[in-house]
Amino acid sequence: MYRNAVKAISRARTHNNYEIVFRTTARHGLLLMVGKAREGVDYIALAIHDGRLHLRFDLGSGPAHVISDQQIDNGEWTTVKINRKMNIGSLQVNNGLIKTATSPGLTNHLNSDGMLWLGGVDYRPRGIGLYKSFFVPFVGCVASAKIHDELIDLRADALNSPVVRSCNGR
């Protein structure tokens, strides 16, 4: 668990920007969760489902969903970039085509508890419409993660005690 900003807590934002470099052979697993999903409301979630990346976000007036074209469960290094401005979210894998989705309604702020979960969450919210794979812990290697273009120190910036081992090859 990390703060949703490297230098300050961010509780409600009109934009979010994340980048994760990872590799896995797992067909399912959560990479990122931020918002108030524990309470069944606003969230941004990125997970592997059937070997593809799924970005889902809800700002309080209905979900938006983007699915990557690429299979990423091949053990190769993958760079994923997530960007959300107002109610439009985008997903880009390995500098490929940017895919977007728009959250319905008039809301465009992500109300957040200020926490960012990488690799899994310690809760299972009900009623927010996420696949079970969004709550399977990530199995693989995360070489780096950025929040708003600032690199996270996966050990020093953690607010809990994650199991973080070194990655080979990156």
C-alpha atoms as a PDB file:
ATOM      1  CA  MET A   1       0.000   0.000   0.000  1.00  0.00           C
ATOM      2  CA  TYR A   2       1.337   3.418  -0.976  1.00  0.00           C
ATOM      3  CA  ARG A   3       0.103   6.987  -0.876  1.00  0.00           C
ATOM      4  CA  ASN A   4      -1.596   8.083  -4.090  1.00  0.00           C
ATOM      5  CA  ALA A   5       1.066  10.740  -4.510  1.00  0.00           C
ATOM      6  CA  VAL A   6       4.760  10.542  -3.852  1.00  0.00           C
ATOM      7  CA  LYS A   7       5.052  13.786  -1.887  1.00  0.00           C
ATOM      8  CA  ALA A   8       1.513  14.377  -0.601  1.00  0.00           C
ATOM      9  CA  ILE A   9      -1.767  12.592  -0.080  1.00  0.00           C
ATOM     10  CA  SER A  10      -4.271  13.079  -2.868  1.00  0.00           C
ATOM     11  CA  ARG A  11      -7.882  12.561  -1.829  1.00  0.00           C
ATOM     12  CA  ALA A  12      -9.839  13.952  -4.799  1.00  0.00           C
ATOM     13  CA  ARG A  13      -8.289  14.573  -8.164  1.00  0.00           C
ATOM     14  CA  THR A  14      -9.447  15.412 -11.639  1.00  0.00           C
ATOM     15  CA  HIS A  15      -6.533  13.520 -13.159  1.00  0.00           C
ATOM     16  CA  ASN A  16      -4.384  10.477 -12.418  1.00  0.00           C
ATOM     17  CA  ASN A  17      -1.248   9.232 -14.104  1.00  0.00           C
ATOM     18  CA  TYR A  18       0.435   5.873 -13.421  1.00  0.00           C
ATOM     19  CA  GLU A  19       3.149   3.816 -15.097  1.00  0.00           C
ATOM     20  CA  ILE A  20       4.119   0.264 -14.130  1.00  0.00           C
ATOM     21  CA  VAL A  21       6.866  -1.908 -15.621  1.00  0.00           C
ATOM     22  CA  PHE A  22       6.308  -5.590 -14.862  1.00  0.00           C
ATOM     23  CA  ARG A  23       6.398  -9.141 -16.145  1.00  0.00           C
ATOM     24  CA  THR A  24       4.234 -12.131 -15.361  1.00  0.00           C
ATOM     25  CA  THR A  25       3.041 -15.480 -16.611  1.00  0.00           C
ATOM     26  CA  ALA A  26      -0.139 -15.279 -14.506  1.00  0.00           C
ATOM     27  CA  ARG A  27      -3.486 -15.118 -16.300  1.00  0.00           C
ATOM     28  CA  HIS A  28      -5.139 -13.149 -13.474  1.00  0.00           C
ATOM     29  CA  GLY A  29      -4.066 -10.650 -10.821  1.00  0.00           C
ATOM     30  CA  LEU A  30      -4.469  -7.116  -9.527  1.00  0.00           C
ATOM     31  CA  LEU A  31      -1.755  -4.611 -10.414  1.00  0.00           C
ATOM     32  CA  LEU A  32      -3.227  -1.350  -9.077  1.00  0.00           C
ATOM     33  CA  MET A  33      -6.231  -0.134  -7.073  1.00  0.00           C
ATOM     34  CA  VAL A  34      -6.899   3.405  -5.868  1.00  0.00           C
ATOM     35  CA  GLY A  35      -9.972   5.261  -4.633  1.00  0.00           C
ATOM     36  CA  LYS A  36     -12.669   4.257  -2.181  1.00  0.00           C
ATOM     37  CA  ALA A  37     -13.412   0.783  -3.526  1.00  0.00           C
ATOM     38  CA  ARG A  38     -13.499  -0.519   0.062  1.00  0.00           C
ATOM     39  CA  GLU A  39     -16.643   1.573   0.492  1.00  0.00           C
ATOM     40  CA  GLY A  40     -18.076   0.471  -2.869  1.00  0.00           C
ATOM     41  CA  VAL A  41     -17.666   3.847  -4.570  1.00  0.00           C
ATOM     42  CA  ASP A  42     -15.026   5.711  -6.627  1.00  0.00           C
ATOM     43  CA  TYR A  43     -12.059   3.672  -7.818  1.00  0.00           C
ATOM     44  CA  ILE A  44      -9.469   3.064 -10.526  1.00  0.00           C
ATOM     45  CA  ALA A  45      -8.384  -0.551 -10.896  1.00  0.00           C
ATOM     46  CA  LEU A  46      -5.926  -2.262 -13.231  1.00  0.00           C
ATOM     47  CA  ALA A  47      -5.851  -6.052 -13.358  1.00  0.00           C
ATOM     48  CA  ILE A  48      -4.829  -8.936 -15.541  1.00  0.00           C
ATOM     49  CA  HIS A  49      -7.891 -10.926 -16.605  1.00  0.00           C
ATOM     50  CA  ASP A  50      -7.464 -13.872 -18.974  1.00  0.00           C
ATOM     51  CA  GLY A  51      -3.943 -12.661 -19.787  1.00  0.00           C
ATOM     52  CA  ARG A  52      -4.973  -9.144 -20.871  1.00  0.00           C
ATOM     53  CA  LEU A  53      -4.883  -5.866 -18.971  1.00  0.00           C
ATOM     54  CA  HIS A  54      -8.242  -4.475 -17.893  1.00  0.00           C
ATOM     55  CA  LEU A  55      -8.559  -0.883 -16.706  1.00  0.00           C
ATOM     56  CA  ARG A  56     -11.808  -0.121 -14.948  1.00  0.00           C
ATOM     57  CA  PHE A  57     -12.766   3.102 -13.213  1.00  0.00           C
ATOM     58  CA  ASP A  58     -15.881   4.596 -11.675  1.00  0.00           C
ATOM     59  CA  LEU A  59     -16.119   8.189 -10.482  1.00  0.00           C
ATOM     60  CA  GLY A  60     -19.494   7.663  -8.837  1.00  0.00           C
ATOM     61  CA  SER A  61     -21.859   7.722 -11.796  1.00  0.00           C
ATOM     62  CA  GLY A  62     -21.025   4.428 -13.519  1.00  0.00           C
ATOM     63  CA  PRO A  63     -18.033   2.390 -14.645  1.00  0.00           C
ATOM     64  CA  ALA A  64     -15.792   2.701 -17.692  1.00  0.00           C
ATOM     65  CA  HIS A  65     -13.772  -0.266 -18.940  1.00  0.00           C
ATOM     66  CA  VAL A  66     -10.771  -0.558 -21.282  1.00  0.00           C
ATOM     67  CA  ILE A  67      -9.195  -3.876 -22.344  1.00  0.00           C
ATOM     68  CA  SER A  68      -5.728  -4.180 -23.873  1.00  0.00           C
ATOM     69  CA  ASP A  69      -5.299  -5.918 -27.211  1.00  0.00           C
ATOM     70  CA  GLN A  70      -2.002  -7.528 -26.197  1.00  0.00           C
ATOM     71  CA  GLN A  71      -1.574 -10.725 -24.182  1.00  0.00           C
ATOM     72  CA  ILE A  72       0.783  -9.811 -21.355  1.00  0.00           C
ATOM     73  CA  ASP A  73       1.033 -13.148 -19.518  1.00  0.00           C
ATOM     74  CA  ASN A  74       4.060 -14.242 -21.571  1.00  0.00           C
ATOM     75  CA  GLY A  75       6.844 -13.497 -19.065  1.00  0.00           C
ATOM     76  CA  GLU A  76       8.122 -10.553 -21.155  1.00  0.00           C
ATOM     77  CA  TRP A  77       8.639  -7.067 -19.723  1.00  0.00           C
ATOM     78  CA  THR A  78       5.539  -4.918 -20.134  1.00  0.00           C
ATOM     79  CA  THR A  79       5.140  -1.180 -19.633  1.00  0.00           C
ATOM     80  CA  VAL A  80       1.617   0.005 -18.959  1.00  0.00           C
ATOM     81  CA  LYS A  81       0.589   3.656 -18.755  1.00  0.00           C
ATOM     82  CA  ILE A  82      -2.723   4.743 -17.276  1.00  0.00           C
ATOM     83  CA  ASN A  83      -3.990   8.276 -17.594  1.00  0.00           C
ATOM     84  CA  ARG A  84      -7.310   9.747 -16.465  1.00  0.00           C
ATOM     85  CA  LYS A  85      -8.379  13.330 -17.088  1.00  0.00           C
ATOM     86  CA  MET A  86     -11.806  14.176 -15.765  1.00  0.00           C
ATOM     87  CA  ASN A  87     -14.079  11.286 -16.874  1.00  0.00           C
ATOM     88  CA  ILE A  88     -11.858   9.981 -19.722  1.00  0.00           C
ATOM     89  CA  GLY A  89      -9.394   7.214 -18.962  1.00  0.00           C
ATOM     90  CA  SER A  90      -6.722   5.692 -21.178  1.00  0.00           C
ATOM     91  CA  LEU A  91      -4.575   2.574 -21.232  1.00  0.00           C
ATOM     92  CA  GLN A  92      -1.369   2.175 -23.235  1.00  0.00           C
ATOM     93  CA  VAL A  93       0.708  -1.016 -23.323  1.00  0.00           C
ATOM     94  CA  ASN A  94       4.335  -1.046 -24.544  1.00  0.00           C
ATOM     95  CA  ASN A  95       3.973   2.314 -26.328  1.00  0.00           C
ATOM     96  CA  GLY A  96       1.242   0.839 -28.514  1.00  0.00           C
ATOM     97  CA  LEU A  97      -2.175   2.182 -29.407  1.00  0.00           C
ATOM     98  CA  ILE A  98      -3.802   4.265 -26.660  1.00  0.00           C
ATOM     99  CA  LYS A  99      -7.244   2.900 -25.819  1.00  0.00           C
ATOM    100  CA  THR A 100      -9.770   5.121 -24.036  1.00  0.00           C
ATOM    101  CA  ALA A 101     -13.102   4.900 -22.256  1.00  0.00           C
ATOM    102  CA  THR A 102     -15.432   7.500 -20.801  1.00  0.00           C
ATOM    103  CA  SER A 103     -17.161   7.181 -17.445  1.00  0.00           C
ATOM    104  CA  PRO A 104     -20.859   8.091 -17.794  1.00  0.00           C
ATOM    105  CA  GLY A 105     -22.539  10.944 -15.985  1.00  0.00           C
ATOM    106  CA  LEU A 106     -21.340  14.335 -14.880  1.00  0.00           C
ATOM    107  CA  THR A 107     -18.854  13.374 -12.159  1.00  0.00           C
ATOM    108  CA  ASN A 108     -15.187  13.812 -12.981  1.00  0.00           C
ATOM    109  CA  HIS A 109     -13.412  13.692  -9.604  1.00  0.00           C
ATOM    110  CA  LEU A 110     -11.943  10.542  -8.107  1.00  0.00           C
ATOM    111  CA  ASN A 111     -12.731  10.658  -4.407  1.00  0.00           C
ATOM    112  CA  SER A 112      -9.970   8.689  -2.751  1.00  0.00           C
ATOM    113  CA  ASP A 113      -8.828   7.653   0.687  1.00  0.00           C
ATOM    114  CA  GLY A 114      -5.354   8.637  -0.523  1.00  0.00           C
ATOM    115  CA  MET A 115      -4.030   5.067  -0.714  1.00  0.00           C
ATOM    116  CA  LEU A 116      -2.686   3.239  -3.760  1.00  0.00           C
ATOM    117  CA  TRP A 117      -2.531  -0.560  -3.677  1.00  0.00           C
ATOM    118  CA  LEU A 118       0.008  -2.351  -5.868  1.00  0.00           C
ATOM    119  CA  GLY A 119      -0.182  -6.107  -6.408  1.00  0.00           C
ATOM    120  CA  GLY A 120      -3.251  -6.776  -4.284  1.00  0.00           C
ATOM    121  CA  VAL A 121      -5.644  -5.446  -1.666  1.00  0.00           C
ATOM    122  CA  ASP A 122      -6.493  -6.659   1.817  1.00  0.00           C
ATOM    123  CA  TYR A 123     -10.241  -6.335   1.318  1.00  0.00           C
ATOM    124  CA  ARG A 124     -12.977  -7.491  -1.052  1.00  0.00           C
ATOM    125  CA  PRO A 125     -15.531  -4.756  -1.729  1.00  0.00           C
ATOM    126  CA  ARG A 126     -18.997  -5.783  -2.792  1.00  0.00           C
ATOM    127  CA  GLY A 127     -21.211  -4.221  -5.375  1.00  0.00           C
ATOM    128  CA  ILE A 128     -18.651  -2.418  -7.533  1.00  0.00           C
ATOM    129  CA  GLY A 129     -18.828  -4.789 -10.509  1.00  0.00           C
ATOM    130  CA  LEU A 130     -15.223  -5.980 -10.714  1.00  0.00           C
ATOM    131  CA  TYR A 131     -14.237  -9.444 -11.898  1.00  0.00           C
ATOM    132  CA  LYS A 132     -12.880 -11.833  -9.272  1.00  0.00           C
ATOM    133  CA  SER A 133      -9.459 -11.487 -10.951  1.00  0.00           C
ATOM    134  CA  PHE A 134      -9.328  -7.897  -9.662  1.00  0.00           C
ATOM    135  CA  PHE A 135      -8.882  -9.387  -6.183  1.00  0.00           C
ATOM    136  CA  VAL A 136      -6.356 -12.108  -7.021  1.00  0.00           C
ATOM    137  CA  PRO A 137      -2.906 -11.027  -5.806  1.00  0.00           C
ATOM    138  CA  PHE A 138      -0.421 -10.229  -8.589  1.00  0.00           C
ATOM    139  CA  VAL A 139       2.237 -12.888  -9.129  1.00  0.00           C
ATOM    140  CA  GLY A 140       5.223 -11.686 -11.103  1.00  0.00           C
ATOM    141  CA  CYS A 141       7.849  -9.005 -11.020  1.00  0.00           C
ATOM    142  CA  VAL A 142       7.311  -5.234 -10.767  1.00  0.00           C
ATOM    143  CA  ALA A 143      10.496  -3.491 -11.856  1.00  0.00           C
ATOM    144  CA  SER A 144       9.188   0.046 -11.330  1.00  0.00           C
ATOM    145  CA  ALA A 145       6.089   2.110 -10.701  1.00  0.00           C
ATOM    146  CA  LYS A 146       5.430   5.818 -11.113  1.00  0.00           C
ATOM    147  CA  ILE A 147       2.703   8.061  -9.777  1.00  0.00           C
ATOM    148  CA  HIS A 148       2.346  11.361 -11.645  1.00  0.00           C
ATOM    149  CA  ASP A 149       5.760  10.777 -13.274  1.00  0.00           C
ATOM    150  CA  GLU A 150       7.532  10.302  -9.920  1.00  0.00           C
ATOM    151  CA  LEU A 151       9.200   6.958  -9.247  1.00  0.00           C
ATOM    152  CA  ILE A 152       7.998   5.000  -6.206  1.00  0.00           C
ATOM    153  CA  ASP A 153      10.576   3.288  -4.045  1.00  0.00           C
ATOM    154  CA  LEU A 154       8.757  -0.039  -3.704  1.00  0.00           C
ATOM    155  CA  ARG A 155      10.290  -0.689  -0.282  1.00  0.00           C
ATOM    156  CA  ALA A 156      10.855   2.702   1.356  1.00  0.00           C
ATOM    157  CA  ASP A 157       7.579   4.332   0.243  1.00  0.00           C
ATOM    158  CA  ALA A 158       5.370   1.417   1.351  1.00  0.00           C
ATOM    159  CA  LEU A 159       2.996   2.149   4.233  1.00  0.00           C
ATOM    160  CA  ASN A 160       2.687  -1.542   5.096  1.00  0.00           C
ATOM    161  CA  SER A 161       5.181  -4.418   4.841  1.00  0.00           C
ATOM    162  CA  PRO A 162       4.894  -5.751   1.301  1.00  0.00           C
ATOM    163  CA  VAL A 163       6.756  -8.825   0.189  1.00  0.00           C
ATOM    164  CA  VAL A 164       9.174  -7.180  -2.238  1.00  0.00           C
ATOM    165  CA  ARG A 165      12.021  -9.159  -3.733  1.00  0.00           C
ATOM    166  CA  SER A 166      14.465  -7.986  -6.353  1.00  0.00           C
ATOM    167  CA  CYS A 167      13.618  -8.509 -10.018  1.00  0.00           C
ATOM    168  CA  ASN A 168      16.074 -10.262 -12.249  1.00  0.00           C
ATOM    169  CA  GLY A 169      16.868  -8.667 -15.570  1.00  0.00           C
ATOM    170  CA  ARG A 170      15.609  -5.104 -14.961  1.00  0.00           C
END
